């Protein structure tokens, strides 16, 4: 073949977009979790939900799909 037929074809462009995600410090996170009212069940659920996301770096969709068995496996229950 005298010439390359794919010579004029360009490859895909590589572009990296950097986001601006704010990260809370350890003290800010602790203060935030301690500020949640835990006298009611709703506050306890909110605090547990947020703590799981913060300490495991899990996404909201992953935490929502968790079941009680995921938190407390049967082998470790009292």
N, C-alpha and C. Protein backbone atom coordinates (compact mmCIF):
# COMPACT_ATOMS: atom_id res chain seq x y z
N UNK A 1 0.85 -1.15 0.00
CA UNK A 1 0.00 0.00 0.00
C UNK A 1 0.92 1.25 0.00
N UNK A 2 0.76 2.11 -0.94
CA UNK A 2 1.67 3.26 -1.04
C UNK A 2 1.46 4.32 0.04
N UNK A 3 0.25 4.46 0.59
CA UNK A 3 0.03 5.47 1.64
C UNK A 3 -0.90 4.90 2.71
N UNK A 4 -0.88 5.52 3.88
CA UNK A 4 -1.72 5.09 5.00
C UNK A 4 -3.09 5.77 4.89
N UNK A 5 -4.18 4.99 4.73
CA UNK A 5 -5.50 5.61 4.57
C UNK A 5 -6.00 6.26 5.88
N UNK A 6 -5.46 5.89 7.02
CA UNK A 6 -5.91 6.44 8.29
C UNK A 6 -5.03 7.62 8.74
N UNK A 7 -4.19 8.11 7.86
CA UNK A 7 -3.26 9.18 8.20
C UNK A 7 -3.99 10.47 8.62
N UNK A 8 -5.09 10.81 7.99
CA UNK A 8 -5.80 12.06 8.26
C UNK A 8 -6.76 11.95 9.45
N UNK A 9 -6.96 10.75 9.97
CA UNK A 9 -7.89 10.57 11.09
C UNK A 9 -7.22 11.01 12.39
N UNK A 10 -7.92 11.84 13.14
CA UNK A 10 -7.37 12.30 14.42
C UNK A 10 -7.90 11.42 15.55
N UNK A 11 -7.10 11.25 16.56
CA UNK A 11 -7.49 10.47 17.73
C UNK A 11 -8.36 11.30 18.67
N UNK A 12 -8.92 10.67 19.68
CA UNK A 12 -9.76 11.41 20.63
C UNK A 12 -8.93 12.39 21.46
N UNK A 13 -9.55 13.51 21.81
CA UNK A 13 -8.87 14.51 22.64
C UNK A 13 -8.94 14.08 24.10
N UNK A 14 -7.89 14.34 24.82
CA UNK A 14 -7.85 14.01 26.24
C UNK A 14 -7.93 15.31 27.02
N UNK A 15 -9.03 15.49 27.74
CA UNK A 15 -9.21 16.70 28.54
C UNK A 15 -9.51 16.30 29.99
N UNK A 16 -8.82 16.91 30.92
CA UNK A 16 -9.03 16.63 32.33
C UNK A 16 -9.67 17.85 32.97
N UNK A 17 -10.83 17.63 33.58
CA UNK A 17 -11.51 18.71 34.27
C UNK A 17 -11.32 18.52 35.76
N UNK A 18 -10.86 19.54 36.43
CA UNK A 18 -10.66 19.46 37.87
C UNK A 18 -11.80 20.18 38.56
N UNK A 19 -12.42 19.48 39.51
CA UNK A 19 -13.52 20.07 40.26
C UNK A 19 -13.00 20.78 41.50
N UNK A 20 -13.89 21.49 42.12
CA UNK A 20 -13.51 22.18 43.35
C UNK A 20 -14.38 21.67 44.49
N UNK A 21 -14.00 20.53 45.03
CA UNK A 21 -14.73 19.90 46.13
C UNK A 21 -14.11 20.37 47.44
N UNK A 22 -14.95 20.85 48.33
CA UNK A 22 -14.44 21.29 49.63
C UNK A 22 -14.35 20.08 50.55
N UNK A 23 -13.27 19.98 51.27
CA UNK A 23 -13.06 18.87 52.19
C UNK A 23 -13.04 19.42 53.61
N UNK A 24 -13.84 18.81 54.47
CA UNK A 24 -13.89 19.26 55.86
C UNK A 24 -12.71 18.66 56.63
N UNK A 25 -12.20 19.43 57.57
CA UNK A 25 -11.12 18.91 58.41
C UNK A 25 -11.71 17.93 59.42
N UNK A 26 -10.84 17.24 60.12
CA UNK A 26 -11.29 16.26 61.11
C UNK A 26 -12.08 16.94 62.23
N UNK A 27 -11.62 18.10 62.68
CA UNK A 27 -12.32 18.83 63.74
C UNK A 27 -13.68 19.33 63.25
N UNK A 28 -13.73 19.84 62.02
CA UNK A 28 -15.00 20.31 61.47
C UNK A 28 -16.00 19.16 61.35
N UNK A 29 -15.53 18.00 60.94
CA UNK A 29 -16.40 16.84 60.81
C UNK A 29 -16.93 16.40 62.17
N UNK A 30 -16.05 16.36 63.15
CA UNK A 30 -16.47 15.98 64.50
C UNK A 30 -17.48 16.98 65.06
N UNK A 31 -17.21 18.26 64.88
CA UNK A 31 -18.13 19.29 65.36
C UNK A 31 -19.48 19.18 64.66
N UNK A 32 -19.46 18.91 63.36
CA UNK A 32 -20.70 18.77 62.60
C UNK A 32 -21.52 17.58 63.09
N UNK A 33 -20.86 16.43 63.27
CA UNK A 33 -21.58 15.24 63.74
C UNK A 33 -22.10 15.42 65.17
N UNK A 34 -21.36 16.12 65.99
CA UNK A 34 -21.81 16.37 67.37
C UNK A 34 -22.94 17.39 67.43
N UNK A 35 -23.09 18.21 66.40
CA UNK A 35 -24.15 19.22 66.40
C UNK A 35 -25.51 18.64 66.04
N UNK A 36 -25.56 17.42 65.54
CA UNK A 36 -26.83 16.80 65.16
C UNK A 36 -27.57 16.35 66.41
N UNK A 37 -28.85 16.72 66.51
CA UNK A 37 -29.67 16.39 67.67
C UNK A 37 -29.95 14.89 67.68
N UNK A 38 -29.47 14.19 68.69
CA UNK A 38 -29.64 12.73 68.76
C UNK A 38 -30.69 12.33 69.80
N UNK A 39 -31.52 13.25 70.21
CA UNK A 39 -32.59 12.92 71.17
C UNK A 39 -33.77 12.24 70.48
N UNK A 40 -33.81 12.33 69.16
CA UNK A 40 -34.88 11.71 68.39
C UNK A 40 -34.29 10.70 67.41
N UNK A 41 -35.12 9.79 66.97
CA UNK A 41 -34.68 8.74 66.04
C UNK A 41 -34.19 9.34 64.73
N UNK A 42 -34.84 10.38 64.27
CA UNK A 42 -34.44 11.01 63.00
C UNK A 42 -33.01 11.53 63.08
N UNK A 43 -32.67 12.17 64.20
CA UNK A 43 -31.31 12.67 64.38
C UNK A 43 -30.29 11.55 64.44
N UNK A 44 -30.64 10.46 65.09
CA UNK A 44 -29.73 9.30 65.14
C UNK A 44 -29.52 8.71 63.76
N UNK A 45 -30.59 8.60 62.99
CA UNK A 45 -30.48 8.06 61.61
C UNK A 45 -29.63 8.99 60.75
N UNK A 46 -29.88 10.29 60.85
CA UNK A 46 -29.11 11.25 60.07
C UNK A 46 -27.63 11.19 60.42
N UNK A 47 -27.35 11.14 61.71
CA UNK A 47 -25.96 11.10 62.16
C UNK A 47 -25.26 9.82 61.69
N UNK A 48 -25.94 8.69 61.79
CA UNK A 48 -25.35 7.43 61.33
C UNK A 48 -25.12 7.45 59.82
N UNK A 49 -26.09 7.95 59.09
CA UNK A 49 -26.00 8.03 57.63
C UNK A 49 -24.81 8.89 57.20
N UNK A 50 -24.70 10.08 57.80
CA UNK A 50 -23.62 10.99 57.44
C UNK A 50 -22.28 10.44 57.89
N UNK A 51 -22.22 9.83 59.07
CA UNK A 51 -20.95 9.28 59.57
C UNK A 51 -20.44 8.16 58.67
N UNK A 52 -21.33 7.30 58.20
CA UNK A 52 -20.91 6.23 57.29
C UNK A 52 -20.34 6.81 56.01
N UNK A 53 -20.99 7.84 55.47
CA UNK A 53 -20.47 8.45 54.24
C UNK A 53 -19.12 9.13 54.48
N UNK A 54 -18.97 9.81 55.61
CA UNK A 54 -17.74 10.55 55.88
C UNK A 54 -16.57 9.60 56.14
N UNK A 55 -16.78 8.60 56.97
CA UNK A 55 -15.66 7.75 57.39
C UNK A 55 -15.33 6.63 56.40
N UNK A 56 -16.22 6.34 55.46
CA UNK A 56 -15.92 5.30 54.48
C UNK A 56 -15.77 5.84 53.07
N UNK A 57 -15.98 7.14 52.89
CA UNK A 57 -15.92 7.79 51.59
C UNK A 57 -16.91 7.15 50.60
N UNK A 58 -18.02 6.66 51.13
CA UNK A 58 -19.02 6.02 50.29
C UNK A 58 -19.92 7.07 49.65
N UNK A 59 -20.48 6.72 48.52
CA UNK A 59 -21.44 7.60 47.85
C UNK A 59 -22.80 7.44 48.50
N UNK A 60 -23.65 8.44 48.29
CA UNK A 60 -24.99 8.42 48.87
C UNK A 60 -25.75 7.19 48.40
N UNK A 61 -25.66 6.87 47.12
CA UNK A 61 -26.40 5.73 46.58
C UNK A 61 -25.95 4.41 47.21
N UNK A 62 -24.67 4.30 47.54
CA UNK A 62 -24.17 3.08 48.17
C UNK A 62 -24.67 2.96 49.60
N UNK A 63 -24.70 4.06 50.33
CA UNK A 63 -25.15 4.02 51.72
C UNK A 63 -26.65 3.77 51.79
N UNK A 64 -27.39 4.32 50.86
CA UNK A 64 -28.85 4.12 50.84
C UNK A 64 -29.20 2.65 50.65
N UNK A 65 -28.39 1.93 49.87
CA UNK A 65 -28.67 0.52 49.59
C UNK A 65 -28.23 -0.43 50.70
N UNK A 66 -27.53 0.08 51.71
CA UNK A 66 -27.08 -0.79 52.80
C UNK A 66 -28.26 -1.31 53.61
N UNK A 67 -28.09 -2.51 54.13
CA UNK A 67 -29.09 -3.14 55.00
C UNK A 67 -28.49 -3.29 56.39
N UNK A 68 -29.30 -3.60 57.37
CA UNK A 68 -28.82 -3.76 58.73
C UNK A 68 -27.75 -4.85 58.78
N UNK A 69 -27.91 -5.90 58.00
CA UNK A 69 -26.93 -6.99 57.98
C UNK A 69 -25.57 -6.53 57.50
N UNK A 70 -25.54 -5.47 56.69
CA UNK A 70 -24.26 -4.94 56.21
C UNK A 70 -23.51 -4.24 57.34
N UNK A 71 -24.23 -3.64 58.26
CA UNK A 71 -23.61 -2.97 59.39
C UNK A 71 -23.19 -3.97 60.47
N UNK A 72 -24.08 -4.94 60.73
CA UNK A 72 -23.84 -5.93 61.78
C UNK A 72 -23.97 -7.32 61.19
N UNK A 73 -22.89 -7.92 60.73
CA UNK A 73 -22.96 -9.28 60.19
C UNK A 73 -23.45 -10.26 61.26
N UNK A 74 -24.10 -11.36 60.83
CA UNK A 74 -24.68 -12.31 61.76
C UNK A 74 -23.64 -12.94 62.68
N UNK A 75 -22.42 -13.13 62.22
CA UNK A 75 -21.39 -13.78 63.04
C UNK A 75 -20.96 -12.91 64.20
N UNK A 76 -21.10 -11.60 64.08
CA UNK A 76 -20.61 -10.71 65.12
C UNK A 76 -21.72 -10.21 66.06
N UNK A 77 -22.93 -10.63 65.86
CA UNK A 77 -24.02 -10.17 66.73
C UNK A 77 -23.93 -10.82 68.09
N UNK A 78 -24.40 -10.11 69.10
CA UNK A 78 -24.38 -10.63 70.48
C UNK A 78 -25.52 -11.58 70.71
